[in-house]
Amino acid sequence: MKFKLKSIVPWGRSYEEYIKMFSLKKDDLKKNILGCADGPANFNSIMTKHKKSRL
């Protein structure tokens, strides 16, 4: 069966939503955190920026 999507809207959670959803504390954010199937969420990109700024 063939179909065509007219528009696609990527949806993901924000960095702040992840912090609240998983009750992450400052000490947690110093650790490596694996994101699995988190789609277009910006948590990984923000965490990467934080880690690079600490190097």
C-alpha atoms as a PDB file:
ATOM      1  CA  MET A   1       0.000   0.000   0.000  1.00  0.00           C
ATOM      2  CA  LYS A   2       1.439   3.339  -1.028  1.00  0.00           C
ATOM      3  CA  PHE A   3       0.613   6.636   0.675  1.00  0.00           C
ATOM      4  CA  LYS A   4       1.934  10.177   0.704  1.00  0.00           C
ATOM      5  CA  LEU A   5       2.193  12.459   3.705  1.00  0.00           C
ATOM      6  CA  LYS A   6       1.344  16.073   2.967  1.00  0.00           C
ATOM      7  CA  SER A   7       3.096  17.420   6.035  1.00  0.00           C
ATOM      8  CA  ILE A   8       5.226  16.033   8.804  1.00  0.00           C
ATOM      9  CA  VAL A   9       5.596  17.744  12.147  1.00  0.00           C
ATOM     10  CA  PRO A  10       8.501  16.462  14.238  1.00  0.00           C
ATOM     11  CA  TRP A  11       7.648  16.564  17.913  1.00  0.00           C
ATOM     12  CA  GLY A  12       9.942  16.094  20.856  1.00  0.00           C
ATOM     13  CA  ARG A  13      10.273  17.088  24.456  1.00  0.00           C
ATOM     14  CA  SER A  14      12.348  20.027  25.610  1.00  0.00           C
ATOM     15  CA  TYR A  15      15.408  19.891  27.853  1.00  0.00           C
ATOM     16  CA  GLU A  16      13.334  21.279  30.737  1.00  0.00           C
ATOM     17  CA  GLU A  17      10.651  18.619  30.234  1.00  0.00           C
ATOM     18  CA  TYR A  18      13.270  15.868  30.513  1.00  0.00           C
ATOM     19  CA  ILE A  19      14.643  17.403  33.720  1.00  0.00           C
ATOM     20  CA  LYS A  20      11.172  17.409  35.266  1.00  0.00           C
ATOM     21  CA  MET A  21      10.027  14.075  33.825  1.00  0.00           C
ATOM     22  CA  PHE A  22      13.030  12.181  35.237  1.00  0.00           C
ATOM     23  CA  SER A  23      13.580  14.389  38.319  1.00  0.00           C
ATOM     24  CA  LEU A  24      17.177  15.018  37.236  1.00  0.00           C
ATOM     25  CA  LYS A  25      19.431  16.877  39.662  1.00  0.00           C
ATOM     26  CA  LYS A  26      22.682  18.788  38.981  1.00  0.00           C
ATOM     27  CA  ASP A  27      24.736  15.729  39.949  1.00  0.00           C
ATOM     28  CA  ASP A  28      22.760  13.609  37.465  1.00  0.00           C
ATOM     29  CA  LEU A  29      23.582  16.043  34.658  1.00  0.00           C
ATOM     30  CA  LYS A  30      27.320  15.548  35.274  1.00  0.00           C
ATOM     31  CA  LYS A  31      26.950  11.875  34.314  1.00  0.00           C
ATOM     32  CA  ASN A  32      26.628  10.279  30.893  1.00  0.00           C
ATOM     33  CA  ILE A  33      22.977   9.840  29.993  1.00  0.00           C
ATOM     34  CA  LEU A  34      21.903   7.578  27.147  1.00  0.00           C
ATOM     35  CA  GLY A  35      18.950   8.796  25.088  1.00  0.00           C
ATOM     36  CA  CYS A  36      17.081   5.934  23.400  1.00  0.00           C
ATOM     37  CA  ALA A  37      14.323   6.546  20.870  1.00  0.00           C
ATOM     38  CA  ASP A  38      13.982  10.156  21.997  1.00  0.00           C
ATOM     39  CA  GLY A  39      13.424  11.444  18.471  1.00  0.00           C
ATOM     40  CA  PRO A  40      13.823  15.177  17.841  1.00  0.00           C
ATOM     41  CA  ALA A  41      14.129  16.073  21.527  1.00  0.00           C
ATOM     42  CA  ASN A  42      16.764  18.719  22.228  1.00  0.00           C
ATOM     43  CA  PHE A  43      18.001  17.118  25.460  1.00  0.00           C
ATOM     44  CA  ASN A  44      20.982  15.422  23.789  1.00  0.00           C
ATOM     45  CA  SER A  45      22.163  18.542  21.969  1.00  0.00           C
ATOM     46  CA  ILE A  46      21.965  20.675  25.120  1.00  0.00           C
ATOM     47  CA  MET A  47      23.758  18.046  27.225  1.00  0.00           C
ATOM     48  CA  THR A  48      26.502  17.840  24.574  1.00  0.00           C
ATOM     49  CA  LYS A  49      26.961  21.619  24.668  1.00  0.00           C
ATOM     50  CA  HIS A  50      27.177  21.547  28.491  1.00  0.00           C
ATOM     51  CA  LYS A  51      29.793  18.791  28.431  1.00  0.00           C
ATOM     52  CA  LYS A  52      31.924  20.601  25.826  1.00  0.00           C
ATOM     53  CA  SER A  53      31.826  23.801  27.866  1.00  0.00           C
ATOM     54  CA  ARG A  54      33.225  21.876  30.880  1.00  0.00           C
ATOM     55  CA  LEU A  55      36.237  20.527  28.948  1.00  0.00           C
END
